[in-house]
Amino acid sequence: MKIVSVDQMDRGLAYAESCFETFRVIDGVVFDWAGHWQRMMMGLLAFGVSFSEEKSEQIRIACLVEAEKTGVDSLVRLTVTAGEAGWGLLSKAVEPLVYIQSIRYCSDHSPIRLRLKNWPFPLKEKYAKCSADYAETSRLLHGEKDVHLLFEQHGMLMAAATANILLFRDGVWHTPVAGLGVLAGRVRDFFIRKGLVNEKSCPLSWLDDCEAAVVCNSGMFIKPVADVAGIQRQYPMRTEHAAIVLLRETLRQEEGVQI
C-alpha cells in the first residue's frame, strides 16, 4: 500500500473533472481524430477547460509520438483533467493535465459473445467520455470475467460496456438513440452519416429475431456478435451476413482503419 501526503491534488482524481478518448493509431493515422477531439472538448468545457489550436495540435502530435513507441498499430487512451489544485470544490487549477497511455493493439477477429445485464442506475445524458460516468460501468464489471456485457433497462437496449450495438432486421441496421445512457461512438456516427445505420429505440425483443448484430468502437472498429447469453433464438445470428460485409468494406476505405 502506498500512502501519499499532498498539498495539491489532480481535480480529475478529487472531483472526476476529466474526460478521455480511446482510439487506434495505425501508421501514424487516427480514424476521425477531429470527432474524438471535438467530443472531448464538449466534455471538458463543462469544467472550464479549453485549448488553443496550437495546444490541441501539440496534444495530437504527442499521441502519435507515444503510439509510435509501441508499434505501427497501437491503442491509445488520451485523458485530460482540469489539473492540480488545492483543497476545496472551488479551488482552481493553473492548467490542465494531459495523460497518454499507449499499448500495442492485438487483433482478434473472432465473433463476440455477449452477456445481457440490467443497467440499474438512472440514465444520464452522455455527450462525452466523462470519467465519472464510467464509475458506474466499473461497478457493474466488478467480478465479471471480461467486458463483453450488453446493457438494457426496462426492456430497451442501450450499449455494450465498451462499444455501441447495431442490429440488422427487416433490411435495415438500427442502433439505440444516443443521449440518455448511450454515447455517440465515432464508428457508430460514421455509419449514420453514411446512411447505413438508423438511430431508433431498440427493444430487447429485437435480439430474438434480428438477422445479425455487431458491436463497434474506435479500437476493434467492428465485430460481429455470435450470440447473447440468455436469449433464445430460432436461428443463430449470421456473423458473415452481407450487411456486415458492407459495413466493413465502407469503413475499410477510411484512413486510420484496419480490419
C-alpha atoms as a PDB file:
ATOM      1  CA  MET A   1       0.000   0.000   0.000  1.00  0.00           C
ATOM      2  CA  LYS A   2       1.237   3.464  -0.912  1.00  0.00           C
ATOM      3  CA  ILE A   3       0.276   6.443   1.284  1.00  0.00           C
ATOM      4  CA  VAL A   4       0.874   9.910  -0.144  1.00  0.00           C
ATOM      5  CA  SER A   5       0.559  13.291   1.569  1.00  0.00           C
ATOM      6  CA  VAL A   6      -0.172  16.135  -0.863  1.00  0.00           C
ATOM      7  CA  ASP A   7      -0.937  19.833  -0.846  1.00  0.00           C
ATOM      8  CA  GLN A   8      -2.213  19.791  -4.418  1.00  0.00           C
ATOM      9  CA  MET A   9      -4.414  17.133  -5.992  1.00  0.00           C
ATOM     10  CA  ASP A  10      -5.434  16.435  -9.548  1.00  0.00           C
ATOM     11  CA  ARG A  11      -9.075  17.516  -9.810  1.00  0.00           C
ATOM     12  CA  GLY A  12      -9.623  14.588 -12.151  1.00  0.00           C
ATOM     13  CA  LEU A  13      -8.951  12.349  -9.160  1.00  0.00           C
ATOM     14  CA  ALA A  14     -10.500  14.557  -6.492  1.00  0.00           C
ATOM     15  CA  TYR A  15     -13.732  15.504  -8.279  1.00  0.00           C
ATOM     16  CA  ALA A  16     -13.742  13.498 -11.528  1.00  0.00           C
ATOM     17  CA  GLU A  17     -13.124  16.619 -13.612  1.00  0.00           C
ATOM     18  CA  SER A  18     -11.741  14.676 -16.548  1.00  0.00           C
ATOM     19  CA  CYS A  19     -12.609  13.211 -19.928  1.00  0.00           C
ATOM     20  CA  PHE A  20     -10.880  10.657 -22.111  1.00  0.00           C
ATOM     21  CA  GLU A  21     -10.820   9.225 -25.615  1.00  0.00           C
ATOM     22  CA  THR A  22      -9.566   5.841 -26.803  1.00  0.00           C
ATOM     23  CA  PHE A  23      -8.517   5.224 -30.395  1.00  0.00           C
ATOM     24  CA  ARG A  24      -6.229   3.251 -32.674  1.00  0.00           C
ATOM     25  CA  VAL A  25      -3.174   4.844 -34.260  1.00  0.00           C
ATOM     26  CA  ILE A  26      -2.288   2.927 -37.416  1.00  0.00           C
ATOM     27  CA  ASP A  27       0.842   4.012 -39.294  1.00  0.00           C
ATOM     28  CA  GLY A  28       0.554   7.430 -37.683  1.00  0.00           C
ATOM     29  CA  VAL A  29      -3.122   7.988 -38.555  1.00  0.00           C
ATOM     30  CA  VAL A  30      -6.156   8.214 -36.244  1.00  0.00           C
ATOM     31  CA  PHE A  31      -9.616   7.453 -37.628  1.00  0.00           C
ATOM     32  CA  ASP A  32     -11.802  10.551 -37.121  1.00  0.00           C
ATOM     33  CA  TRP A  33      -9.357  12.421 -34.880  1.00  0.00           C
ATOM     34  CA  ALA A  34     -11.446  15.581 -35.322  1.00  0.00           C
ATOM     35  CA  GLY A  35     -14.523  13.780 -33.997  1.00  0.00           C
ATOM     36  CA  HIS A  36     -12.646  12.411 -30.998  1.00  0.00           C
ATOM     37  CA  TRP A  37     -11.205  15.807 -30.140  1.00  0.00           C
ATOM     38  CA  GLN A  38     -14.498  17.655 -30.568  1.00  0.00           C
ATOM     39  CA  ARG A  39     -16.287  15.194 -28.290  1.00  0.00           C
ATOM     40  CA  MET A  40     -13.592  15.534 -25.630  1.00  0.00           C
ATOM     41  CA  MET A  41     -13.760  19.327 -25.786  1.00  0.00           C
ATOM     42  CA  MET A  42     -17.547  19.210 -25.307  1.00  0.00           C
ATOM     43  CA  GLY A  43     -16.994  17.317 -22.085  1.00  0.00           C
ATOM     44  CA  LEU A  44     -14.091  19.414 -20.806  1.00  0.00           C
ATOM     45  CA  LEU A  45     -15.858  22.718 -21.411  1.00  0.00           C
ATOM     46  CA  ALA A  46     -18.259  21.770 -18.607  1.00  0.00           C
ATOM     47  CA  PHE A  47     -15.227  22.002 -16.281  1.00  0.00           C
ATOM     48  CA  GLY A  48     -13.997  25.241 -17.826  1.00  0.00           C
ATOM     49  CA  VAL A  49     -11.170  23.553 -19.712  1.00  0.00           C
ATOM     50  CA  SER A  50     -10.302  24.536 -23.272  1.00  0.00           C
ATOM     51  CA  PHE A  51      -7.279  24.575 -25.557  1.00  0.00           C
ATOM     52  CA  SER A  52      -5.964  26.824 -28.294  1.00  0.00           C
ATOM     53  CA  GLU A  53      -5.473  25.341 -31.761  1.00  0.00           C
ATOM     54  CA  GLU A  54      -1.729  25.270 -31.100  1.00  0.00           C
ATOM     55  CA  LYS A  55      -2.141  23.313 -27.855  1.00  0.00           C
ATOM     56  CA  SER A  56      -4.636  20.965 -29.493  1.00  0.00           C
ATOM     57  CA  GLU A  57      -2.146  20.158 -32.219  1.00  0.00           C
ATOM     58  CA  GLN A  58       0.598  19.586 -29.643  1.00  0.00           C
ATOM     59  CA  ILE A  59      -1.594  17.019 -27.913  1.00  0.00           C
ATOM     60  CA  ARG A  60      -2.416  15.267 -31.199  1.00  0.00           C
ATOM     61  CA  ILE A  61       1.274  15.012 -32.098  1.00  0.00           C
ATOM     62  CA  ALA A  62       2.133  13.788 -28.590  1.00  0.00           C
ATOM     63  CA  CYS A  63      -0.406  10.963 -29.044  1.00  0.00           C
ATOM     64  CA  LEU A  64       1.228   9.957 -32.329  1.00  0.00           C
ATOM     65  CA  VAL A  65       4.696  10.020 -30.774  1.00  0.00           C
ATOM     66  CA  GLU A  66       3.649   7.797 -27.877  1.00  0.00           C
ATOM     67  CA  ALA A  67       1.823   5.434 -30.234  1.00  0.00           C
ATOM     68  CA  GLU A  68       4.926   5.020 -32.381  1.00  0.00           C
ATOM     69  CA  LYS A  69       6.831   3.767 -29.347  1.00  0.00           C
ATOM     70  CA  THR A  70       4.530   0.723 -29.125  1.00  0.00           C
ATOM     71  CA  GLY A  71       4.410  -0.097 -32.839  1.00  0.00           C
ATOM     72  CA  VAL A  72       2.678   0.675 -36.128  1.00  0.00           C
ATOM     73  CA  ASP A  73      -0.732  -0.332 -34.749  1.00  0.00           C
ATOM     74  CA  SER A  74      -1.351   0.988 -31.255  1.00  0.00           C
ATOM     75  CA  LEU A  75      -4.301   1.559 -28.959  1.00  0.00           C
ATOM     76  CA  VAL A  76      -4.071   4.957 -27.262  1.00  0.00           C
ATOM     77  CA  ARG A  77      -6.007   6.421 -24.364  1.00  0.00           C
ATOM     78  CA  LEU A  78      -5.871  10.198 -24.057  1.00  0.00           C
ATOM     79  CA  THR A  79      -7.069  11.570 -20.717  1.00  0.00           C
ATOM     80  CA  VAL A  80      -7.327  15.268 -19.881  1.00  0.00           C
ATOM     81  CA  THR A  81      -8.088  16.543 -16.390  1.00  0.00           C
ATOM     82  CA  ALA A  82      -8.752  20.018 -15.041  1.00  0.00           C
ATOM     83  CA  GLY A  83      -5.301  19.931 -13.404  1.00  0.00           C
ATOM     84  CA  GLU A  84      -3.847  20.155  -9.914  1.00  0.00           C
ATOM     85  CA  ALA A  85      -5.353  22.473  -7.310  1.00  0.00           C
ATOM     86  CA  GLY A  86      -5.554  22.963  -3.583  1.00  0.00           C
ATOM     87  CA  TRP A  87      -8.254  21.872  -1.170  1.00  0.00           C
ATOM     88  CA  GLY A  88     -11.909  22.534  -1.947  1.00  0.00           C
ATOM     89  CA  LEU A  89     -14.521  22.353  -4.668  1.00  0.00           C
ATOM     90  CA  LEU A  90     -13.929  25.955  -5.714  1.00  0.00           C
ATOM     91  CA  SER A  91     -10.153  25.742  -5.962  1.00  0.00           C
ATOM     92  CA  LYS A  92      -8.876  26.453  -9.452  1.00  0.00           C
ATOM     93  CA  ALA A  93      -6.074  24.656 -11.254  1.00  0.00           C
ATOM     94  CA  VAL A  94      -3.388  26.613 -13.068  1.00  0.00           C
ATOM     95  CA  GLU A  95      -3.522  24.433 -16.181  1.00  0.00           C
ATOM     96  CA  PRO A  96      -4.976  21.118 -17.342  1.00  0.00           C
ATOM     97  CA  LEU A  97      -3.065  17.855 -17.154  1.00  0.00           C
ATOM     98  CA  VAL A  98      -2.766  15.538 -20.142  1.00  0.00           C
ATOM     99  CA  TYR A  99      -2.114  11.806 -19.803  1.00  0.00           C
ATOM    100  CA  ILE A 100      -1.338   9.498 -22.717  1.00  0.00           C
ATOM    101  CA  GLN A 101      -1.256   5.709 -22.478  1.00  0.00           C
ATOM    102  CA  SER A 102      -0.319   3.504 -25.419  1.00  0.00           C
ATOM    103  CA  ILE A 103      -0.227  -0.265 -25.914  1.00  0.00           C
ATOM    104  CA  ARG A 104       0.321  -2.466 -28.932  1.00  0.00           C
ATOM    105  CA  TYR A 105      -3.018  -3.415 -30.468  1.00  0.00           C
ATOM    106  CA  CYS A 106      -3.694  -7.155 -30.685  1.00  0.00           C
ATOM    107  CA  SER A 107      -6.308  -8.081 -33.273  1.00  0.00           C
ATOM    108  CA  ASP A 108      -8.967 -10.673 -32.561  1.00  0.00           C
ATOM    109  CA  HIS A 109     -11.309 -11.237 -35.489  1.00  0.00           C
ATOM    110  CA  SER A 110     -13.477 -13.896 -33.852  1.00  0.00           C
ATOM    111  CA  PRO A 111     -17.169 -13.018 -33.317  1.00  0.00           C
ATOM    112  CA  ILE A 112     -18.035 -11.767 -29.863  1.00  0.00           C
ATOM    113  CA  ARG A 113     -20.355 -13.473 -27.375  1.00  0.00           C
ATOM    114  CA  LEU A 114     -22.259 -11.014 -25.209  1.00  0.00           C
ATOM    115  CA  ARG A 115     -23.979 -11.384 -21.855  1.00  0.00           C
ATOM    116  CA  LEU A 116     -27.077  -9.354 -21.100  1.00  0.00           C
ATOM    117  CA  LYS A 117     -27.057  -7.253 -17.938  1.00  0.00           C
ATOM    118  CA  ASN A 118     -29.565  -4.818 -16.473  1.00  0.00           C
ATOM    119  CA  TRP A 119     -28.404  -1.219 -16.038  1.00  0.00           C
ATOM    120  CA  PRO A 120     -29.688  -0.365 -12.530  1.00  0.00           C
ATOM    121  CA  PHE A 121     -28.714   3.319 -12.418  1.00  0.00           C
ATOM    122  CA  PRO A 122     -30.723   6.372 -13.544  1.00  0.00           C
ATOM    123  CA  LEU A 123     -29.886   7.229 -17.155  1.00  0.00           C
ATOM    124  CA  LYS A 124     -27.665  10.270 -17.693  1.00  0.00           C
ATOM    125  CA  GLU A 125     -27.025  12.365 -20.767  1.00  0.00           C
ATOM    126  CA  LYS A 126     -23.844  11.084 -22.426  1.00  0.00           C
ATOM    127  CA  TYR A 127     -22.253  13.571 -24.798  1.00  0.00           C
ATOM    128  CA  ALA A 128     -18.598  12.872 -23.933  1.00  0.00           C
ATOM    129  CA  LYS A 129     -16.498  10.196 -22.262  1.00  0.00           C
ATOM    130  CA  CYS A 130     -16.538  11.758 -18.810  1.00  0.00           C
ATOM    131  CA  SER A 131     -14.559   9.667 -16.334  1.00  0.00           C
ATOM    132  CA  ALA A 132     -17.278   9.967 -13.677  1.00  0.00           C
ATOM    133  CA  ASP A 133     -19.765   8.125 -15.909  1.00  0.00           C
ATOM    134  CA  TYR A 134     -17.507   5.095 -16.096  1.00  0.00           C
ATOM    135  CA  ALA A 135     -17.536   4.594 -12.337  1.00  0.00           C
ATOM    136  CA  GLU A 136     -20.996   3.042 -12.762  1.00  0.00           C
ATOM    137  CA  THR A 137     -19.801   0.802 -15.597  1.00  0.00           C
ATOM    138  CA  SER A 138     -16.832  -0.235 -13.475  1.00  0.00           C
ATOM    139  CA  ARG A 139     -19.168  -1.229 -10.632  1.00  0.00           C
ATOM    140  CA  LEU A 140     -21.167  -3.467 -12.962  1.00  0.00           C
ATOM    141  CA  LEU A 141     -17.988  -5.051 -14.325  1.00  0.00           C
ATOM    142  CA  HIS A 142     -16.752  -5.960 -10.844  1.00  0.00           C
ATOM    143  CA  GLY A 143     -16.450  -9.730 -10.638  1.00  0.00           C
ATOM    144  CA  GLU A 144     -17.033 -10.235 -14.374  1.00  0.00           C
ATOM    145  CA  LYS A 145     -14.580 -12.316 -16.413  1.00  0.00           C
ATOM    146  CA  ASP A 146     -14.442  -9.772 -19.268  1.00  0.00           C
ATOM    147  CA  VAL A 147     -16.118  -6.618 -20.599  1.00  0.00           C
ATOM    148  CA  HIS A 148     -18.486  -8.397 -23.001  1.00  0.00           C
ATOM    149  CA  LEU A 149     -21.671  -7.110 -21.404  1.00  0.00           C
ATOM    150  CA  LEU A 150     -24.722  -5.722 -23.196  1.00  0.00           C
ATOM    151  CA  PHE A 151     -26.755  -3.340 -21.049  1.00  0.00           C
ATOM    152  CA  GLU A 152     -30.524  -2.925 -21.084  1.00  0.00           C
ATOM    153  CA  GLN A 153     -33.039  -1.075 -18.963  1.00  0.00           C
ATOM    154  CA  HIS A 154     -36.808  -1.513 -18.832  1.00  0.00           C
ATOM    155  CA  GLY A 155     -36.725  -3.793 -21.851  1.00  0.00           C
ATOM    156  CA  MET A 156     -34.771  -1.374 -24.059  1.00  0.00           C
ATOM    157  CA  LEU A 157     -31.243  -1.952 -25.330  1.00  0.00           C
ATOM    158  CA  MET A 158     -28.540   0.612 -24.514  1.00  0.00           C
ATOM    159  CA  ALA A 159     -24.973  -0.342 -25.469  1.00  0.00           C
ATOM    160  CA  ALA A 160     -22.220  -2.794 -24.714  1.00  0.00           C
ATOM    161  CA  ALA A 161     -19.796  -1.947 -21.908  1.00  0.00           C
ATOM    162  CA  THR A 162     -17.195  -0.505 -24.287  1.00  0.00           C
ATOM    163  CA  ALA A 163     -18.991  -0.325 -27.634  1.00  0.00           C
ATOM    164  CA  ASN A 164     -22.172   0.593 -29.454  1.00  0.00           C
ATOM    165  CA  ILE A 165     -24.548  -2.150 -30.588  1.00  0.00           C
ATOM    166  CA  LEU A 166     -26.036  -2.315 -34.103  1.00  0.00           C
ATOM    167  CA  LEU A 167     -28.899  -4.679 -35.015  1.00  0.00           C
ATOM    168  CA  PHE A 168     -29.884  -5.721 -38.555  1.00  0.00           C
ATOM    169  CA  ARG A 169     -33.539  -6.569 -39.052  1.00  0.00           C
ATOM    170  CA  ASP A 170     -36.065  -6.100 -41.859  1.00  0.00           C
ATOM    171  CA  GLY A 171     -33.256  -4.995 -44.154  1.00  0.00           C
ATOM    172  CA  VAL A 172     -32.089  -2.079 -42.003  1.00  0.00           C
ATOM    173  CA  TRP A 173     -29.327  -1.501 -39.443  1.00  0.00           C
ATOM    174  CA  HIS A 174     -30.577   0.079 -36.214  1.00  0.00           C
ATOM    175  CA  THR A 175     -28.738   1.427 -33.176  1.00  0.00           C
ATOM    176  CA  PRO A 176     -30.145   2.830 -29.901  1.00  0.00           C
ATOM    177  CA  VAL A 177     -30.611   6.595 -29.845  1.00  0.00           C
ATOM    178  CA  ALA A 178     -27.627   8.474 -28.402  1.00  0.00           C
ATOM    179  CA  GLY A 179     -28.123  10.636 -25.345  1.00  0.00           C
ATOM    180  CA  LEU A 180     -29.581   9.161 -22.189  1.00  0.00           C
ATOM    181  CA  GLY A 181     -27.324   6.241 -21.279  1.00  0.00           C
ATOM    182  CA  VAL A 182     -25.887   5.897 -24.793  1.00  0.00           C
ATOM    183  CA  LEU A 183     -22.689   7.550 -26.032  1.00  0.00           C
ATOM    184  CA  ALA A 184     -22.451   8.509 -29.695  1.00  0.00           C
ATOM    185  CA  GLY A 185     -19.411   6.455 -30.722  1.00  0.00           C
ATOM    186  CA  ARG A 186     -17.221   7.662 -33.566  1.00  0.00           C
ATOM    187  CA  VAL A 187     -17.624   4.497 -35.685  1.00  0.00           C
ATOM    188  CA  ARG A 188     -21.371   4.420 -34.961  1.00  0.00           C
ATOM    189  CA  ASP A 189     -21.725   8.039 -36.077  1.00  0.00           C
ATOM    190  CA  PHE A 190     -19.664   7.375 -39.207  1.00  0.00           C
ATOM    191  CA  PHE A 191     -22.149   4.706 -40.284  1.00  0.00           C
ATOM    192  CA  ILE A 192     -25.069   7.034 -39.549  1.00  0.00           C
ATOM    193  CA  ARG A 193     -23.520   9.830 -41.643  1.00  0.00           C
ATOM    194  CA  LYS A 194     -23.045   7.362 -44.481  1.00  0.00           C
ATOM    195  CA  GLY A 195     -26.739   6.485 -44.335  1.00  0.00           C
ATOM    196  CA  LEU A 196     -26.048   2.862 -43.403  1.00  0.00           C
ATOM    197  CA  VAL A 197     -27.477   2.895 -39.856  1.00  0.00           C
ATOM    198  CA  ASN A 198     -30.574   4.455 -38.329  1.00  0.00           C
ATOM    199  CA  GLU A 199     -30.951   5.712 -34.775  1.00  0.00           C
ATOM    200  CA  LYS A 200     -34.017   4.165 -33.215  1.00  0.00           C
ATOM    201  CA  SER A 201     -35.226   2.898 -29.863  1.00  0.00           C
ATOM    202  CA  CYS A 202     -34.304  -0.786 -29.861  1.00  0.00           C
ATOM    203  CA  PRO A 203     -36.397  -3.121 -27.700  1.00  0.00           C
ATOM    204  CA  LEU A 204     -34.774  -6.097 -26.057  1.00  0.00           C
ATOM    205  CA  SER A 205     -37.069  -8.366 -28.084  1.00  0.00           C
ATOM    206  CA  TRP A 206     -35.147  -7.470 -31.251  1.00  0.00           C
ATOM    207  CA  LEU A 207     -32.376  -9.788 -30.071  1.00  0.00           C
ATOM    208  CA  ASP A 208     -34.826 -12.657 -30.663  1.00  0.00           C
ATOM    209  CA  ASP A 209     -35.287 -12.076 -34.366  1.00  0.00           C
ATOM    210  CA  CYS A 210     -32.568  -9.780 -35.766  1.00  0.00           C
ATOM    211  CA  GLU A 211     -30.643 -11.346 -38.636  1.00  0.00           C
ATOM    212  CA  ALA A 212     -27.282 -10.046 -37.464  1.00  0.00           C
ATOM    213  CA  ALA A 213     -25.687  -7.792 -34.874  1.00  0.00           C
ATOM    214  CA  VAL A 214     -22.325  -6.079 -34.476  1.00  0.00           C
ATOM    215  CA  VAL A 215     -20.547  -4.027 -31.856  1.00  0.00           C
ATOM    216  CA  CYS A 216     -18.354  -1.117 -32.874  1.00  0.00           C
ATOM    217  CA  ASN A 217     -15.850   1.250 -31.306  1.00  0.00           C
ATOM    218  CA  SER A 218     -12.608   3.006 -32.246  1.00  0.00           C
ATOM    219  CA  GLY A 219     -10.461   0.089 -31.107  1.00  0.00           C
ATOM    220  CA  MET A 220     -11.797  -3.032 -32.791  1.00  0.00           C
ATOM    221  CA  PHE A 221     -13.798  -0.873 -35.259  1.00  0.00           C
ATOM    222  CA  ILE A 222     -16.449  -3.534 -35.923  1.00  0.00           C
ATOM    223  CA  LYS A 223     -17.040  -7.078 -34.720  1.00  0.00           C
ATOM    224  CA  PRO A 224     -19.957  -9.465 -35.379  1.00  0.00           C
ATOM    225  CA  VAL A 225     -21.993 -10.748 -32.455  1.00  0.00           C
ATOM    226  CA  ALA A 226     -22.259 -14.557 -32.378  1.00  0.00           C
ATOM    227  CA  ASP A 227     -24.905 -14.687 -29.660  1.00  0.00           C
ATOM    228  CA  VAL A 228     -26.206 -13.099 -26.476  1.00  0.00           C
ATOM    229  CA  ALA A 229     -26.320 -15.401 -23.488  1.00  0.00           C
ATOM    230  CA  GLY A 230     -29.848 -15.994 -22.222  1.00  0.00           C
ATOM    231  CA  ILE A 231     -31.557 -15.073 -25.492  1.00  0.00           C
ATOM    232  CA  GLN A 232     -33.457 -17.974 -27.051  1.00  0.00           C
ATOM    233  CA  ARG A 233     -33.417 -17.708 -30.830  1.00  0.00           C
ATOM    234  CA  GLN A 234     -34.950 -19.911 -33.501  1.00  0.00           C
ATOM    235  CA  TYR A 235     -31.976 -19.313 -35.772  1.00  0.00           C
ATOM    236  CA  PRO A 236     -28.394 -18.279 -34.898  1.00  0.00           C
ATOM    237  CA  MET A 237     -27.160 -14.797 -35.712  1.00  0.00           C
ATOM    238  CA  ARG A 238     -25.366 -14.624 -39.049  1.00  0.00           C
ATOM    239  CA  THR A 239     -21.818 -13.443 -38.420  1.00  0.00           C
ATOM    240  CA  GLU A 240     -20.966 -13.270 -42.143  1.00  0.00           C
ATOM    241  CA  HIS A 241     -24.141 -11.544 -43.261  1.00  0.00           C
ATOM    242  CA  ALA A 242     -23.852  -9.433 -46.446  1.00  0.00           C
ATOM    243  CA  ALA A 243     -24.961  -6.410 -44.407  1.00  0.00           C
ATOM    244  CA  ILE A 244     -21.917  -6.835 -42.142  1.00  0.00           C
ATOM    245  CA  VAL A 245     -19.648  -7.106 -45.167  1.00  0.00           C
ATOM    246  CA  LEU A 246     -21.000  -3.776 -46.441  1.00  0.00           C
ATOM    247  CA  LEU A 247     -20.238  -2.066 -43.128  1.00  0.00           C
ATOM    248  CA  ARG A 248     -16.717  -3.499 -43.121  1.00  0.00           C
ATOM    249  CA  GLU A 249     -15.973  -2.521 -46.709  1.00  0.00           C
ATOM    250  CA  THR A 250     -17.287   1.012 -46.223  1.00  0.00           C
ATOM    251  CA  LEU A 251     -15.204   1.515 -43.085  1.00  0.00           C
ATOM    252  CA  ARG A 252     -12.116  -0.078 -44.618  1.00  0.00           C
ATOM    253  CA  GLN A 253     -11.924   2.725 -47.178  1.00  0.00           C
ATOM    254  CA  GLU A 254     -11.235   5.298 -44.452  1.00  0.00           C
ATOM    255  CA  GLU A 255      -7.771   6.398 -43.331  1.00  0.00           C
ATOM    256  CA  GLY A 256      -6.664   5.024 -39.987  1.00  0.00           C
ATOM    257  CA  VAL A 257      -8.747   1.858 -40.273  1.00  0.00           C
ATOM    258  CA  GLN A 258      -7.524  -1.711 -40.372  1.00  0.00           C
ATOM    259  CA  ILE A 259      -9.997  -4.583 -40.140  1.00  0.00           C
END
